[in-house]
Amino acid sequence: TPLVPPAVADFALRTGLDDAALRFGSASRGIWAPECAYAPGLEDLYARHGVGRFLVDSPTVHGDTGAPVDVAGSGVLAFARDLEVSYRVWSPRRGYPGGASYRDFHTFDHESGLRPARVTSQHTEPWDKRPYRPARAAEALARDALDFVGHVVGRLRELPQDDPLVVVAYDTELFGHWWHEGPQFLAAVLRALPEAGVRVTTLAEAAATLPAVTRDLPAGSWGAGKDFHIWQVPEMQRESDAVAERLLRVVTKQTAGHRAGKSAALDQLAREALLALASDWPFCVSHDSAAGYARHRQADHVAAFHRIAEALERGESGDRAAAAAFARDSPFPRLDARLLAT
């Protein structure tokens, strides 16, 4: 089931789409929801806001990844990652970025500001890792790009559709940040795929040209167990529930009965709520990856939210508390909290 009230989910989507339009110059028709998460009914929310396609994980479509899915006949298409291919890059155990010759992200020389070592092996301690050699990395990259293309071709031949589709999707921070050679890998793959007879396309083009199958989908995500449990850390969920409920209550009261003007305090209240509800925090706690940082960040946003809410509920402007919070965190520059009440 969804982890936030429908009105908050609606507001978060509208805010995110508006922010994307501001940054990219046009409205987006496609979305990669946090954690590839889907719950029945989400397609209706997407349709209301002009989102025509979104990504899910392979198990959500029971592994039938070769064609887009018209979800529940809504006209909104779900595209599923092909894990057989995607994991050639993404898998922490056998993904290409963990290859012995690639530059090691975690070995950092603070004096020079450089990362001087290669991965060497997954079990080598940082001080024992071998020096990074760009020529060795280039050789590994050429092999891995060809291996990847070979798996794409093989997967396309396995799929039953007449014009099958293989969707591979990754966080962009993987390429060039976590995986230094990632951009060169992409370049090599994008050159080699057409040479192997594979047409490279976008989801927009695939949505326009490929026949879709119509069916209902179960709830799912790309998290462990392919459900939502790793984001349901009990104490963090309680805080999130309280924030979402109070957000709706405060905004409704502040905007009731009159045509309210845009309010910096109310906007920052909503901004802090969205930041407190971010899926990153419970994910880090569940995986024990920077868990202390994640708890601290959520607690900071929760505290800032409640300070602003308390000021507004006392009949004050809330401007001082909001200004202090805005100075620290100010994403979504066009956010308008009044949308929560519409």
Protein backbone atom coordinates (compact mmCIF):
# COMPACT_ATOMS: atom_id res chain seq x y z
CA THR A 1 0.00 0.00 0.00
CA PRO A 2 1.15 3.60 -0.49
CA LEU A 3 3.10 5.02 2.44
CA VAL A 4 1.60 8.54 2.33
CA PRO A 5 -1.99 9.88 2.09
CA PRO A 6 -3.26 10.31 -1.49
CA ALA A 7 -3.41 14.10 -1.18
CA VAL A 8 0.25 14.23 -0.18
CA ALA A 9 1.23 11.88 -3.02
CA ASP A 10 -0.69 14.11 -5.44
CA PHE A 11 1.08 17.21 -4.11
CA ALA A 12 4.50 15.56 -4.25
CA LEU A 13 3.96 14.51 -7.87
CA ARG A 14 2.74 17.96 -8.91
CA THR A 15 5.68 19.60 -7.17
CA GLY A 16 8.18 17.23 -8.76
CA LEU A 17 6.75 17.63 -12.25
CA ASP A 18 6.75 21.40 -11.90
CA ASP A 19 10.35 21.34 -10.74
CA ALA A 20 11.35 19.11 -13.67
CA ALA A 21 9.65 21.49 -16.12
CA LEU A 22 11.55 24.39 -14.60
CA ARG A 23 14.89 22.59 -14.94
CA PHE A 24 14.39 20.89 -18.32
CA GLY A 25 12.27 23.51 -20.03
CA SER A 26 9.26 21.31 -20.76
CA ALA A 27 6.75 19.10 -18.96
CA SER A 28 7.69 15.46 -18.55
CA ARG A 29 5.49 12.65 -19.82
CA GLY A 30 7.62 9.97 -18.19
CA ILE A 31 8.66 9.31 -14.62
CA TRP A 32 10.96 7.05 -12.65
CA ALA A 33 9.18 6.98 -9.29
CA PRO A 34 11.33 6.54 -6.17
CA GLU A 35 12.58 2.96 -5.90
CA CYS A 36 10.61 1.92 -9.04
CA ALA A 37 7.66 1.70 -6.64
CA TYR A 38 4.13 1.05 -7.82
CA ALA A 39 0.81 0.51 -6.01
CA PRO A 40 -2.54 -0.11 -7.71
CA GLY A 41 -4.25 3.19 -8.42
CA LEU A 42 -1.04 5.11 -8.98
CA GLU A 43 -1.74 5.00 -12.72
CA ASP A 44 -4.82 7.17 -12.13
CA LEU A 45 -2.71 9.77 -10.32
CA TYR A 46 -0.23 9.74 -13.21
CA ALA A 47 -2.99 10.11 -15.77
CA ARG A 48 -4.46 13.14 -13.98
CA HIS A 49 -1.15 14.93 -14.24
CA GLY A 50 -0.20 14.01 -17.79
CA VAL A 51 2.32 11.28 -17.00
CA GLY A 52 1.94 8.62 -19.66
CA ARG A 53 4.73 6.18 -18.80
CA PHE A 54 6.70 5.02 -15.79
CA LEU A 55 9.22 2.40 -14.77
CA VAL A 56 8.72 -0.68 -12.63
CA ASP A 57 10.94 -3.60 -11.76
CA SER A 58 10.81 -6.91 -13.57
CA PRO A 59 9.01 -8.90 -10.82
CA THR A 60 6.15 -6.37 -10.84
CA VAL A 61 5.29 -7.60 -14.34
CA HIS A 62 6.17 -11.20 -13.41
CA GLY A 63 9.28 -11.07 -15.58
CA ASP A 64 7.34 -10.34 -18.79
CA THR A 65 9.50 -7.34 -19.72
CA GLY A 66 9.44 -7.48 -23.52
CA ALA A 67 6.50 -5.10 -24.08
CA PRO A 68 4.96 -2.07 -22.37
CA VAL A 69 1.98 -2.68 -20.11
CA ASP A 70 -1.16 -0.55 -20.30
CA VAL A 71 -1.89 -0.59 -16.58
CA ALA A 72 -5.49 -1.54 -15.86
CA GLY A 73 -6.56 -0.07 -19.20
CA SER A 74 -5.69 3.44 -18.01
CA GLY A 75 -3.61 4.33 -21.05
CA VAL A 76 -0.64 4.85 -18.74
CA LEU A 77 2.20 2.52 -19.70
CA ALA A 78 4.53 0.67 -17.36
CA PHE A 79 7.97 -0.31 -18.67
CA ALA A 80 9.85 -2.92 -16.69
CA ARG A 81 13.60 -3.09 -16.24
CA ASP A 82 15.07 -6.22 -17.79
CA LEU A 83 17.11 -7.54 -14.89
CA GLU A 84 18.85 -10.18 -16.96
CA VAL A 85 20.61 -7.34 -18.79
CA SER A 86 20.50 -4.55 -16.21
CA TYR A 87 22.33 -6.58 -13.60
CA ARG A 88 25.33 -6.91 -15.89
CA VAL A 89 26.07 -3.37 -14.73
CA TRP A 90 24.04 -2.95 -11.55
CA SER A 91 24.71 -6.10 -9.55
CA PRO A 92 26.98 -5.47 -6.54
CA ARG A 93 28.36 -9.00 -6.87
CA ARG A 94 28.99 -9.32 -10.61
CA GLY A 95 28.45 -5.87 -12.08
CA TYR A 96 31.08 -4.40 -14.37
CA PRO A 97 31.97 -1.43 -12.10
CA GLY A 98 33.42 -3.90 -9.60
CA GLY A 99 35.92 -5.20 -12.15
CA ALA A 100 39.51 -5.43 -10.96
CA SER A 101 40.92 -2.87 -13.43
CA TYR A 102 38.47 -0.02 -12.89
CA ARG A 103 39.26 2.95 -10.67
CA ASP A 104 38.27 2.31 -7.07
CA PHE A 105 35.80 4.87 -5.77
CA HIS A 106 36.35 4.21 -2.08
CA THR A 107 40.15 4.54 -1.97
CA PHE A 108 40.70 8.28 -1.64
CA ASP A 109 43.96 10.13 -1.07
CA HIS A 110 43.01 13.22 0.95
CA GLU A 111 46.30 15.05 0.39
CA SER A 112 46.11 14.97 -3.40
CA GLY A 113 42.34 14.73 -3.76
CA LEU A 114 42.79 11.76 -6.12
CA ARG A 115 41.57 8.18 -6.19
CA PRO A 116 44.85 6.44 -7.07
CA ALA A 117 43.89 2.76 -6.84
CA ARG A 118 42.10 0.22 -8.97
CA VAL A 119 39.47 -2.10 -7.51
CA THR A 120 41.95 -5.02 -7.51
CA SER A 121 39.33 -7.28 -5.86
CA GLN A 122 36.18 -6.94 -3.80
CA HIS A 123 38.04 -8.28 -0.77
CA THR A 124 41.27 -6.26 -0.99
CA GLU A 125 41.79 -3.73 1.79
CA PRO A 126 42.29 -0.13 0.61
CA TRP A 127 45.96 -0.03 1.56
CA ASP A 128 46.64 -3.21 -0.46
CA LYS A 129 44.92 -2.13 -3.66
CA ARG A 130 47.06 -1.88 -6.79
CA PRO A 131 47.68 1.43 -8.62
CA TYR A 132 45.11 2.55 -11.14
CA ARG A 133 46.21 2.12 -14.76
CA PRO A 134 43.99 3.85 -17.36
CA ALA A 135 45.17 1.55 -20.16
CA ARG A 136 44.11 -1.54 -18.20
CA ALA A 137 40.76 0.07 -17.48
CA ALA A 138 40.27 0.85 -21.18
CA GLU A 139 40.92 -2.79 -22.09
CA ALA A 140 38.40 -3.96 -19.48
CA LEU A 141 35.87 -1.44 -20.73
CA ALA A 142 36.12 -2.67 -24.31
CA ARG A 143 35.53 -6.27 -23.16
CA ASP A 144 32.63 -5.34 -20.90
CA ALA A 145 30.90 -3.22 -23.54
CA LEU A 146 30.99 -6.10 -26.01
CA ASP A 147 29.80 -8.51 -23.31
CA PHE A 148 26.88 -6.20 -22.51
CA VAL A 149 25.89 -5.90 -26.16
CA GLY A 150 26.06 -9.68 -26.51
CA HIS A 151 23.66 -10.09 -23.60
CA VAL A 152 21.25 -7.55 -25.10
CA VAL A 153 21.24 -9.43 -28.41
CA GLY A 154 20.78 -12.76 -26.65
CA ARG A 155 17.94 -11.43 -24.53
CA LEU A 156 16.13 -9.97 -27.55
CA ARG A 157 16.28 -13.37 -29.25
CA GLU A 158 14.77 -15.04 -26.16
CA LEU A 159 11.75 -12.74 -25.87
CA PRO A 160 8.52 -13.95 -27.55
CA GLN A 161 7.35 -10.60 -28.96
CA ASP A 162 7.69 -9.87 -32.68
CA ASP A 163 9.37 -6.56 -31.88
CA PRO A 164 10.76 -7.15 -28.40
CA LEU A 165 11.98 -4.49 -26.03
CA VAL A 166 14.83 -4.60 -23.51
CA VAL A 167 14.73 -1.78 -20.96
CA VAL A 168 17.87 -0.99 -19.01
CA ALA A 169 17.65 1.85 -16.50
CA TYR A 170 20.22 3.16 -14.04
CA ASP A 171 20.69 6.08 -11.68
CA THR A 172 22.78 8.57 -13.64
CA GLU A 173 25.11 9.10 -10.68
CA LEU A 174 26.51 5.64 -11.39
CA PHE A 175 28.17 6.93 -14.55
CA GLY A 176 31.20 9.09 -13.87
CA HIS A 177 30.63 9.36 -10.11
CA TRP A 178 30.60 5.86 -8.64
CA TRP A 179 31.96 4.33 -11.84
CA HIS A 180 34.66 6.57 -13.26
CA GLU A 181 34.71 4.80 -16.62
CA GLY A 182 30.89 4.71 -16.86
CA PRO A 183 30.48 7.47 -19.49
CA GLN A 184 33.03 5.77 -21.75
CA PHE A 185 31.15 2.48 -21.26
CA LEU A 186 27.91 4.13 -22.37
CA ALA A 187 29.60 5.62 -25.42
CA ALA A 188 31.03 2.25 -26.42
CA VAL A 189 27.71 0.48 -25.94
CA LEU A 190 25.75 3.08 -27.90
CA ARG A 191 28.17 2.66 -30.81
CA ALA A 192 28.22 -1.13 -30.67
CA LEU A 193 24.47 -1.81 -30.36
CA PRO A 194 23.54 -0.50 -33.86
CA GLU A 195 26.52 -2.36 -35.30
CA ALA A 196 25.02 -5.53 -33.77
CA GLY A 197 21.65 -4.81 -35.39
CA VAL A 198 19.93 -3.47 -32.28
CA ARG A 199 17.82 -0.33 -32.59
CA VAL A 200 18.41 2.01 -29.66
CA THR A 201 15.30 3.93 -28.69
CA THR A 202 13.67 5.92 -25.91
CA LEU A 203 10.64 5.08 -23.82
CA ALA A 204 8.77 7.90 -25.54
CA GLU A 205 9.37 6.31 -28.95
CA ALA A 206 8.62 2.83 -27.64
CA ALA A 207 5.34 4.08 -26.17
CA ALA A 208 4.37 5.54 -29.52
CA THR A 209 5.36 2.58 -31.70
CA LEU A 210 5.11 -0.69 -29.76
CA PRO A 211 1.87 -2.54 -28.98
CA ALA A 212 1.09 -2.71 -25.27
CA VAL A 213 -0.53 -5.51 -23.30
CA THR A 214 -3.34 -4.49 -20.93
CA ARG A 215 -3.44 -5.93 -17.43
CA ASP A 216 -3.50 -5.10 -13.76
CA LEU A 217 -0.23 -5.00 -11.85
CA PRO A 218 0.48 -5.87 -8.21
CA ALA A 219 2.23 -3.51 -5.82
CA GLY A 220 5.99 -3.73 -6.04
CA SER A 221 9.36 -2.00 -5.96
CA TRP A 222 12.98 -2.73 -6.80
CA GLY A 223 13.88 -3.06 -3.11
CA ALA A 224 14.78 -6.21 -1.22
CA GLY A 225 11.88 -8.63 -1.46
CA LYS A 226 10.46 -6.45 -4.27
CA ASP A 227 7.96 -4.95 -1.82
CA PHE A 228 7.98 -1.92 0.52
CA HIS A 229 9.28 -3.40 3.76
CA ILE A 230 12.74 -1.80 3.73
CA TRP A 231 11.11 1.66 3.74
CA GLN A 232 8.87 0.81 6.68
CA VAL A 233 11.23 1.40 9.59
CA PRO A 234 8.64 1.61 12.40
CA GLU A 235 9.85 4.67 14.28
CA MET A 236 10.61 6.57 11.06
CA GLN A 237 7.23 5.59 9.63
CA ARG A 238 5.50 6.94 12.72
CA GLU A 239 7.27 10.26 12.27
CA SER A 240 6.37 10.33 8.58
CA ASP A 241 2.71 9.56 9.27
CA ALA A 242 2.53 12.33 11.87
CA VAL A 243 4.14 14.83 9.49
CA ALA A 244 1.80 13.95 6.60
CA GLU A 245 -1.31 14.19 8.78
CA ARG A 246 -0.28 17.49 10.37
CA LEU A 247 0.69 18.94 7.01
CA LEU A 248 -2.80 18.40 5.63
CA ARG A 249 -4.40 19.70 8.81
CA VAL A 250 -2.34 22.89 8.97
CA VAL A 251 -2.61 23.73 5.27
CA THR A 252 -6.37 23.12 5.28
CA LYS A 253 -6.84 25.42 8.26
CA GLN A 254 -4.55 28.14 6.91
CA THR A 255 -6.29 28.25 3.54
CA ALA A 256 -9.89 27.65 4.63
CA GLY A 257 -12.61 30.20 4.07
CA HIS A 258 -10.66 32.77 2.12
CA ARG A 259 -8.44 33.16 -0.91
CA ALA A 260 -5.09 32.77 0.78
CA GLY A 261 -2.05 34.43 -0.71
CA LYS A 262 1.16 32.53 -1.25
CA SER A 263 2.91 32.06 2.08
CA ALA A 264 6.65 31.50 2.51
CA ALA A 265 6.03 29.84 5.88
CA LEU A 266 3.40 27.47 4.50
CA ASP A 267 5.61 26.67 1.51
CA GLN A 268 8.56 25.85 3.76
CA LEU A 269 6.29 23.71 5.92
CA ALA A 270 5.42 21.66 2.83
CA ARG A 271 9.05 21.63 1.70
CA GLU A 272 10.23 20.23 5.04
CA ALA A 273 7.47 17.64 4.92
CA LEU A 274 8.57 16.40 1.50
CA LEU A 275 12.17 16.21 2.67
CA ALA A 276 11.17 14.37 5.85
CA LEU A 277 9.18 11.85 3.79
CA ALA A 278 12.06 11.09 1.39
CA SER A 279 12.53 7.37 0.80
CA ASP A 280 16.32 7.70 1.15
CA TRP A 281 16.25 7.89 4.95
CA PRO A 282 14.57 4.56 5.85
CA PHE A 283 16.38 2.87 2.97
CA CYS A 284 19.76 3.84 4.47
CA VAL A 285 18.66 2.68 7.91
CA SER A 286 17.38 -0.68 6.66
CA HIS A 287 20.63 -1.29 4.79
CA ASP A 288 22.80 0.10 7.60
CA SER A 289 24.38 2.46 5.07
CA ALA A 290 25.03 5.86 6.67
CA ALA A 291 22.16 5.01 9.01
CA GLY A 292 23.13 7.61 11.60
CA TYR A 293 23.24 10.32 8.95
CA ALA A 294 19.85 9.25 7.58
CA ARG A 295 18.22 9.31 11.01
CA HIS A 296 19.74 12.73 11.69
CA ARG A 297 18.55 14.16 8.39
CA GLN A 298 14.99 12.96 8.84
CA ALA A 299 14.95 14.20 12.44
CA ASP A 300 16.18 17.64 11.33
CA HIS A 301 13.43 17.98 8.74
CA VAL A 302 10.78 16.67 11.14
CA ALA A 303 11.89 19.17 13.80
CA ALA A 304 11.90 22.09 11.35
CA PHE A 305 8.46 21.06 10.12
CA HIS A 306 6.98 20.99 13.62
CA ARG A 307 8.54 24.34 14.56
CA ILE A 308 6.84 26.02 11.60
CA ALA A 309 3.58 24.15 12.21
CA GLU A 310 3.49 25.19 15.86
CA ALA A 311 4.04 28.86 14.97
CA LEU A 312 1.24 28.77 12.40
CA GLU A 313 -1.13 26.99 14.75
CA ARG A 314 -0.47 29.66 17.41
CA GLY A 315 -1.61 32.28 14.92
CA GLU A 316 1.89 33.59 14.24
CA SER A 317 3.34 34.18 10.80
CA GLY A 318 5.89 31.39 11.09
CA ASP A 319 8.29 33.51 9.04
CA ARG A 320 11.24 33.30 11.43
CA ALA A 321 11.18 29.51 11.70
CA ALA A 322 10.58 29.20 7.98
CA ALA A 323 13.45 31.55 7.08
CA ALA A 324 15.89 29.56 9.21
CA ALA A 325 14.80 26.31 7.56
CA PHE A 326 14.84 27.83 4.06
CA ALA A 327 18.42 29.03 4.55
CA ARG A 328 19.43 25.41 5.07
CA ASP A 329 17.19 23.58 2.56
CA SER A 330 15.39 25.24 -0.33
CA PRO A 331 14.66 22.78 -3.16
CA PHE A 332 11.54 23.09 -5.33
CA PRO A 333 11.71 26.88 -5.86
CA ARG A 334 8.19 27.07 -7.31
CA LEU A 335 6.55 24.93 -4.62
CA ASP A 336 3.09 26.18 -3.65
CA ALA A 337 1.61 24.61 -0.50
CA ARG A 338 -1.85 25.85 -1.42
CA LEU A 339 -2.05 23.02 -3.96
CA LEU A 340 -2.53 20.65 -1.03
CA ALA A 341 -5.92 22.20 -0.42
CA THR A 342 -7.14 21.96 -4.02
